[in-house]
């Protein structure tokens, strides 16, 4: 089984695929320097297996590489950042 995470900017989301099938998404609103992650979803049959964490980690690594910040309004992304302090520096300030 091959797993791939890709950025689909035309749909404002990151996708995780297993064997070419989309099994999870992390949607965002692009606000220039800040990406507001508002919804994350993983195929119900695959929840609890780390797919969501892999998706969010790859998305946040990409955001970092772009020199941008995030505002996580999705509970899953917010919780991921809370449990992975190495991503806290990506959080946008309230004035951004």
N, C-alpha and C. Protein backbone atom coordinates (compact mmCIF):
# COMPACT_ATOMS: atom_id res chain seq x y z
N UNK A 1 0.85 -1.17 0.00
CA UNK A 1 0.00 0.00 0.00
C UNK A 1 0.90 1.24 0.00
N UNK A 2 0.63 2.17 -0.90
CA UNK A 2 1.39 3.41 -0.95
C UNK A 2 0.53 4.55 -0.41
N UNK A 3 1.16 5.37 0.41
CA UNK A 3 0.49 6.53 0.99
C UNK A 3 1.21 7.78 0.50
N UNK A 4 0.44 8.77 0.10
CA UNK A 4 0.98 10.02 -0.43
C UNK A 4 0.15 11.18 0.09
N UNK A 5 0.82 12.26 0.45
CA UNK A 5 0.13 13.50 0.81
C UNK A 5 0.44 14.50 -0.29
N UNK A 6 -0.60 15.17 -0.76
CA UNK A 6 -0.39 16.18 -1.80
C UNK A 6 -1.19 17.43 -1.46
N UNK A 7 -0.67 18.54 -1.96
CA UNK A 7 -1.34 19.82 -1.81
C UNK A 7 -2.21 20.01 -3.03
N UNK A 8 -3.48 20.33 -2.82
CA UNK A 8 -4.42 20.60 -3.90
C UNK A 8 -4.90 22.04 -3.74
N UNK A 9 -4.05 23.03 -4.12
CA UNK A 9 -4.40 24.43 -3.87
C UNK A 9 -5.67 24.88 -4.59
N UNK A 10 -5.99 24.27 -5.72
CA UNK A 10 -7.20 24.64 -6.44
C UNK A 10 -8.46 24.29 -5.64
N UNK A 11 -8.32 23.38 -4.67
CA UNK A 11 -9.43 23.00 -3.80
C UNK A 11 -9.20 23.49 -2.37
N UNK A 12 -8.15 24.25 -2.16
CA UNK A 12 -7.80 24.78 -0.83
C UNK A 12 -7.72 23.68 0.22
N UNK A 13 -6.95 22.65 -0.11
CA UNK A 13 -6.81 21.56 0.85
C UNK A 13 -5.56 20.72 0.58
N UNK A 14 -5.19 19.97 1.60
CA UNK A 14 -4.19 18.93 1.49
C UNK A 14 -4.95 17.62 1.50
N UNK A 15 -4.45 16.65 0.75
CA UNK A 15 -5.11 15.35 0.66
C UNK A 15 -4.11 14.26 0.99
N UNK A 16 -4.60 13.20 1.63
CA UNK A 16 -3.78 12.02 1.82
C UNK A 16 -4.45 10.90 1.04
N UNK A 17 -3.63 10.21 0.27
CA UNK A 17 -4.14 9.15 -0.60
C UNK A 17 -3.50 7.82 -0.23
N UNK A 18 -4.28 6.78 -0.31
CA UNK A 18 -3.77 5.42 -0.18
C UNK A 18 -4.08 4.72 -1.49
N UNK A 19 -3.03 4.25 -2.13
CA UNK A 19 -3.16 3.59 -3.44
C UNK A 19 -3.98 4.43 -4.42
N UNK A 20 -3.73 5.75 -4.40
CA UNK A 20 -4.37 6.65 -5.34
C UNK A 20 -5.76 7.13 -4.96
N UNK A 21 -6.30 6.66 -3.85
CA UNK A 21 -7.64 7.05 -3.41
C UNK A 21 -7.54 8.03 -2.26
N UNK A 22 -8.25 9.16 -2.36
CA UNK A 22 -8.25 10.16 -1.28
C UNK A 22 -8.95 9.56 -0.07
N UNK A 23 -8.22 9.51 1.06
CA UNK A 23 -8.78 8.95 2.29
C UNK A 23 -8.81 9.97 3.43
N UNK A 24 -8.31 11.18 3.14
CA UNK A 24 -8.35 12.22 4.15
C UNK A 24 -8.05 13.58 3.54
N UNK A 25 -8.59 14.62 4.20
CA UNK A 25 -8.38 15.98 3.72
C UNK A 25 -8.17 16.92 4.90
N UNK A 26 -7.41 17.97 4.65
CA UNK A 26 -7.24 19.08 5.60
C UNK A 26 -7.51 20.34 4.80
N UNK A 27 -8.67 20.94 5.02
CA UNK A 27 -9.08 22.12 4.25
C UNK A 27 -8.65 23.40 4.95
N UNK A 28 -8.39 24.42 4.15
CA UNK A 28 -7.96 25.69 4.69
C UNK A 28 -8.52 26.84 3.86
N UNK A 29 -8.47 28.03 4.46
CA UNK A 29 -8.78 29.28 3.77
C UNK A 29 -7.45 30.02 3.66
N UNK A 30 -7.10 30.43 2.47
CA UNK A 30 -5.84 31.13 2.22
C UNK A 30 -6.04 32.63 2.48
N UNK A 31 -5.32 33.13 3.48
CA UNK A 31 -5.40 34.56 3.81
C UNK A 31 -4.04 35.21 3.62
N UNK A 32 -3.37 34.89 2.53
CA UNK A 32 -2.06 35.47 2.25
C UNK A 32 -0.97 34.80 3.04
N UNK A 33 -0.47 35.48 4.07
CA UNK A 33 0.61 34.91 4.90
C UNK A 33 0.10 33.87 5.89
N UNK A 34 -1.22 33.79 6.06
CA UNK A 34 -1.81 32.88 7.04
C UNK A 34 -2.79 31.93 6.35
N UNK A 35 -2.68 30.65 6.71
CA UNK A 35 -3.62 29.65 6.23
C UNK A 35 -4.48 29.23 7.41
N UNK A 36 -5.79 29.38 7.28
CA UNK A 36 -6.71 29.04 8.35
C UNK A 36 -7.21 27.62 8.10
N UNK A 37 -6.72 26.67 8.89
CA UNK A 37 -7.16 25.28 8.75
C UNK A 37 -8.45 25.10 9.52
N UNK A 38 -9.55 24.86 8.78
CA UNK A 38 -10.87 24.85 9.40
C UNK A 38 -11.55 23.48 9.41
N UNK A 39 -11.03 22.53 8.66
CA UNK A 39 -11.70 21.23 8.62
C UNK A 39 -10.71 20.13 8.23
N UNK A 40 -10.71 19.07 9.02
CA UNK A 40 -9.90 17.89 8.72
C UNK A 40 -10.82 16.67 8.82
N UNK A 41 -10.68 15.78 7.86
CA UNK A 41 -11.53 14.59 7.84
C UNK A 41 -10.74 13.41 7.31
N UNK A 42 -10.92 12.25 7.95
CA UNK A 42 -10.28 11.01 7.52
C UNK A 42 -11.36 9.96 7.38
N UNK A 43 -11.23 9.12 6.37
CA UNK A 43 -12.15 8.01 6.14
C UNK A 43 -12.38 7.28 7.47
N UNK A 44 -13.63 7.08 7.83
CA UNK A 44 -13.98 6.50 9.13
C UNK A 44 -13.30 5.17 9.40
N UNK A 45 -13.14 4.35 8.37
CA UNK A 45 -12.52 3.03 8.54
C UNK A 45 -11.03 3.12 8.87
N UNK A 46 -10.42 4.27 8.64
CA UNK A 46 -8.98 4.42 8.85
C UNK A 46 -8.63 5.27 10.06
N UNK A 47 -9.62 5.79 10.76
CA UNK A 47 -9.36 6.64 11.92
C UNK A 47 -8.64 5.85 13.02
N UNK A 48 -7.77 6.56 13.72
CA UNK A 48 -7.03 5.94 14.82
C UNK A 48 -5.74 5.27 14.38
N UNK A 49 -5.44 5.31 13.10
CA UNK A 49 -4.24 4.66 12.58
C UNK A 49 -3.10 5.61 12.24
N UNK A 50 -3.25 6.88 12.58
CA UNK A 50 -2.19 7.84 12.33
C UNK A 50 -2.26 8.56 10.99
N UNK A 51 -3.28 8.26 10.20
CA UNK A 51 -3.43 8.90 8.89
C UNK A 51 -3.62 10.41 9.04
N UNK A 52 -4.47 10.82 9.96
CA UNK A 52 -4.72 12.24 10.17
C UNK A 52 -3.47 12.97 10.62
N UNK A 53 -2.72 12.38 11.51
CA UNK A 53 -1.48 13.00 11.99
C UNK A 53 -0.47 13.14 10.86
N UNK A 54 -0.36 12.12 10.02
CA UNK A 54 0.55 12.18 8.87
C UNK A 54 0.14 13.30 7.92
N UNK A 55 -1.15 13.41 7.68
CA UNK A 55 -1.69 14.45 6.81
C UNK A 55 -1.37 15.84 7.35
N UNK A 56 -1.69 16.07 8.61
CA UNK A 56 -1.49 17.39 9.21
C UNK A 56 0.00 17.72 9.32
N UNK A 57 0.81 16.76 9.71
CA UNK A 57 2.24 17.01 9.82
C UNK A 57 2.83 17.42 8.47
N UNK A 58 2.48 16.72 7.42
CA UNK A 58 2.99 17.05 6.09
C UNK A 58 2.49 18.42 5.64
N UNK A 59 1.22 18.73 5.91
CA UNK A 59 0.66 20.04 5.56
C UNK A 59 1.40 21.14 6.29
N UNK A 60 1.64 20.97 7.59
CA UNK A 60 2.31 21.99 8.37
C UNK A 60 3.78 22.14 7.96
N UNK A 61 4.42 21.05 7.60
CA UNK A 61 5.79 21.14 7.09
C UNK A 61 5.82 21.95 5.79
N UNK A 62 4.80 21.79 4.96
CA UNK A 62 4.72 22.54 3.72
C UNK A 62 4.47 24.03 4.00
N UNK A 63 3.60 24.32 4.95
CA UNK A 63 3.33 25.70 5.35
C UNK A 63 4.64 26.35 5.82
N UNK A 64 5.38 25.63 6.64
CA UNK A 64 6.66 26.15 7.15
C UNK A 64 7.62 26.42 5.99
N UNK A 65 7.70 25.51 5.04
CA UNK A 65 8.60 25.68 3.89
C UNK A 65 8.22 26.90 3.06
N UNK A 66 6.96 27.27 3.06
CA UNK A 66 6.49 28.44 2.33
C UNK A 66 6.71 29.74 3.11
N UNK A 67 7.12 29.63 4.37
CA UNK A 67 7.33 30.81 5.21
C UNK A 67 6.03 31.44 5.67
N UNK A 68 4.99 30.62 5.78
CA UNK A 68 3.67 31.12 6.18
C UNK A 68 3.35 30.68 7.59
N UNK A 69 2.20 31.12 8.09
CA UNK A 69 1.72 30.76 9.43
C UNK A 69 0.33 30.14 9.32
N UNK A 70 -0.16 29.64 10.44
CA UNK A 70 -1.48 29.01 10.45
C UNK A 70 -2.34 29.57 11.58
N UNK A 71 -3.64 29.46 11.37
CA UNK A 71 -4.64 29.63 12.43
C UNK A 71 -5.48 28.36 12.38
N UNK A 72 -5.39 27.52 13.40
CA UNK A 72 -6.15 26.28 13.41
C UNK A 72 -7.52 26.46 14.07
N UNK A 73 -8.56 26.56 13.27
CA UNK A 73 -9.92 26.59 13.83
C UNK A 73 -10.51 25.20 13.88
N UNK A 74 -9.87 24.26 13.23
CA UNK A 74 -10.25 22.84 13.29
C UNK A 74 -9.66 22.26 14.58
N UNK A 75 -10.49 21.56 15.35
CA UNK A 75 -10.02 21.02 16.62
C UNK A 75 -8.85 20.06 16.44
N UNK A 76 -8.84 19.29 15.36
CA UNK A 76 -7.79 18.29 15.18
C UNK A 76 -6.44 18.96 14.94
N UNK A 77 -6.42 19.98 14.09
CA UNK A 77 -5.16 20.68 13.82
C UNK A 77 -4.69 21.40 15.09
N UNK A 78 -5.61 22.02 15.82
CA UNK A 78 -5.25 22.70 17.06
C UNK A 78 -4.67 21.71 18.07
N UNK A 79 -5.28 20.55 18.20
CA UNK A 79 -4.79 19.53 19.12
C UNK A 79 -3.43 18.98 18.68
N UNK A 80 -3.25 18.81 17.37
CA UNK A 80 -1.97 18.34 16.85
C UNK A 80 -0.86 19.31 17.24
N UNK A 81 -1.09 20.59 17.04
CA UNK A 81 -0.08 21.60 17.38
C UNK A 81 0.18 21.62 18.89
N UNK A 82 -0.88 21.47 19.67
CA UNK A 82 -0.72 21.44 21.12
C UNK A 82 0.18 20.29 21.57
N UNK A 83 0.05 19.14 20.91
CA UNK A 83 0.83 17.95 21.27
C UNK A 83 2.19 17.88 20.57
N UNK A 84 2.44 18.76 19.63
CA UNK A 84 3.71 18.80 18.91
C UNK A 84 4.27 20.22 18.97
N UNK A 85 4.94 20.55 20.07
CA UNK A 85 5.39 21.92 20.29
C UNK A 85 6.32 22.46 19.19
N UNK A 86 6.92 21.59 18.42
CA UNK A 86 7.80 22.06 17.35
C UNK A 86 7.03 22.79 16.24
N UNK A 87 5.69 22.73 16.28
CA UNK A 87 4.87 23.44 15.30
C UNK A 87 4.23 24.71 15.86
N UNK A 88 4.41 24.98 17.14
CA UNK A 88 3.77 26.15 17.75
C UNK A 88 4.24 27.47 17.15
N UNK A 89 5.48 27.49 16.62
CA UNK A 89 5.97 28.73 16.02
C UNK A 89 5.27 29.05 14.70
N UNK A 90 4.43 28.16 14.21
CA UNK A 90 3.65 28.43 13.00
C UNK A 90 2.35 29.18 13.31
N UNK A 91 1.97 29.25 14.57
CA UNK A 91 0.71 29.89 14.93
C UNK A 91 0.77 31.40 14.68
N UNK A 92 -0.22 31.88 13.97
CA UNK A 92 -0.30 33.31 13.68
C UNK A 92 -0.69 34.07 14.94
N UNK A 93 -0.17 35.25 15.05
CA UNK A 93 -0.58 36.13 16.15
C UNK A 93 -1.95 36.68 15.82
N UNK A 94 -2.64 37.17 16.84
CA UNK A 94 -3.99 37.71 16.64
C UNK A 94 -4.02 38.91 15.69
N UNK A 95 -2.90 39.62 15.58
CA UNK A 95 -2.88 40.81 14.72
C UNK A 95 -2.47 40.50 13.28
N UNK A 96 -2.31 39.22 12.96
CA UNK A 96 -1.92 38.85 11.58
C UNK A 96 -3.14 38.56 10.74
